[in-house]
Amino acid sequence: MLGAPSTASYTLRDLLLYFLRLGTLGFGGPIALAGHMQKDLVEERRWVSKQDYLEGLAFSQLSPGPLAAQLAMYLGWVRAGALGATLVASPSFCLPS
């Protein structure tokens, strides 16, 4: 797509630290956390494309379990496959809470 903003480079470690911080300090429920992820990861940091985020949000709404956790796992999967989803899910996002 012509003129579409590109995503910025980031590592799996960056993503894990982001979700560790969000899982530890984030509050406001799943909808608030999903909105924060969109603002931060899509609009400000540009780590995730808007298309990937929207697909992840739609998929997360259809999946059982907490919306924000499902979305975090999806974004981990987009970055690093099954390993990324697993690492984002357990030690980073879910365990701190």
Protein backbone atom coordinates (compact mmCIF):
# COMPACT_ATOMS: atom_id res chain seq x y z
CA MET A 1 0.00 0.00 0.00
CA LEU A 2 1.50 3.31 -1.08
CA GLY A 3 2.08 5.78 1.70
CA ALA A 4 1.40 3.27 4.48
CA PRO A 5 3.55 3.90 7.55
CA SER A 6 6.18 1.23 8.08
CA THR A 7 6.75 -0.52 11.37
CA ALA A 8 9.82 0.16 13.48
CA SER A 9 12.38 -2.50 14.28
CA TYR A 10 12.20 -4.20 17.70
CA THR A 11 13.39 -7.43 19.27
CA LEU A 12 11.52 -10.18 21.05
CA ARG A 13 13.26 -9.00 24.23
CA ASP A 14 11.79 -5.51 23.73
CA LEU A 15 8.33 -7.02 23.37
CA LEU A 16 8.74 -9.23 26.44
CA LEU A 17 9.89 -6.30 28.57
CA TYR A 18 6.97 -4.23 27.28
CA PHE A 19 4.42 -6.88 28.27
CA LEU A 20 6.14 -7.54 31.60
CA ARG A 21 5.73 -3.86 32.43
CA LEU A 22 2.15 -3.76 31.14
CA GLY A 23 1.24 -6.94 33.02
CA THR A 24 2.74 -5.57 36.22
CA LEU A 25 1.58 -1.96 36.13
CA GLY A 26 -1.37 -1.95 33.72
CA PHE A 27 -4.87 -1.53 35.11
CA GLY A 28 -8.36 -0.75 33.87
CA GLY A 29 -9.56 -4.08 32.56
CA PRO A 30 -9.11 -5.84 29.22
CA ILE A 31 -10.68 -3.16 27.03
CA ALA A 32 -8.51 -0.44 28.58
CA LEU A 33 -5.37 -2.55 28.16
CA ALA A 34 -6.24 -3.34 24.54
CA GLY A 35 -6.73 0.36 23.87
CA HIS A 36 -3.43 1.15 25.56
CA MET A 37 -1.68 -1.48 23.41
CA GLN A 38 -3.10 0.07 20.25
CA LYS A 39 -2.06 3.58 21.22
CA ASP A 40 1.40 2.54 22.35
CA LEU A 41 2.39 -0.31 20.01
CA VAL A 42 0.64 0.83 16.82
CA GLU A 43 0.55 4.61 16.97
CA GLU A 44 3.54 5.64 19.10
CA ARG A 45 6.21 2.92 18.91
CA ARG A 46 5.03 1.62 15.51
CA TRP A 47 6.11 -1.93 16.42
CA VAL A 48 2.88 -3.44 15.12
CA SER A 49 1.02 -2.55 11.95
CA LYS A 50 -2.56 -1.41 12.31
CA GLN A 51 -3.68 -4.37 10.17
CA ASP A 52 -1.90 -6.91 12.41
CA TYR A 53 -3.34 -5.26 15.51
CA LEU A 54 -6.91 -5.26 14.17
CA GLU A 55 -6.64 -8.89 13.07
CA GLY A 56 -5.29 -9.79 16.50
CA LEU A 57 -8.06 -7.88 18.26
CA ALA A 58 -10.75 -9.64 16.19
CA PHE A 59 -9.16 -13.04 16.78
CA SER A 60 -8.80 -12.31 20.51
CA GLN A 61 -12.47 -11.40 20.82
CA LEU A 62 -13.40 -14.79 19.38
CA SER A 63 -10.98 -16.74 21.57
CA PRO A 64 -11.82 -17.90 25.09
CA GLY A 65 -10.02 -16.15 27.91
CA PRO A 66 -9.14 -12.58 28.81
CA LEU A 67 -9.09 -10.25 25.81
CA ALA A 68 -5.88 -8.41 26.72
CA ALA A 69 -3.97 -11.65 27.37
CA GLN A 70 -5.16 -13.18 24.09
CA LEU A 71 -4.15 -10.02 22.22
CA ALA A 72 -0.72 -9.99 23.87
CA MET A 73 -0.18 -13.63 22.90
CA TYR A 74 -1.25 -12.91 19.32
CA LEU A 75 1.21 -10.01 19.07
CA GLY A 76 3.94 -12.28 20.46
CA TRP A 77 3.03 -14.86 17.83
CA VAL A 78 3.21 -12.24 15.06
CA ARG A 79 6.72 -11.32 16.20
CA ALA A 80 8.22 -14.74 16.96
CA GLY A 81 5.72 -17.54 16.33
CA ALA A 82 4.85 -20.05 19.02
CA LEU A 83 7.90 -19.15 21.11
CA GLY A 84 6.91 -15.49 21.13
CA ALA A 85 3.31 -16.27 22.09
CA THR A 86 4.44 -18.59 24.89
CA LEU A 87 6.99 -16.17 26.33
CA VAL A 88 4.59 -13.22 26.20
CA ALA A 89 1.81 -15.26 27.81
CA SER A 90 3.43 -16.81 30.83
CA PRO A 91 6.38 -14.98 32.30
CA SER A 92 5.70 -11.57 30.85
CA PHE A 93 2.02 -10.67 30.81
CA CYS A 94 0.02 -13.14 32.89
CA LEU A 95 2.23 -14.08 35.85
CA PRO A 96 2.80 -10.56 37.22
CA SER A 97 -0.91 -10.03 37.68
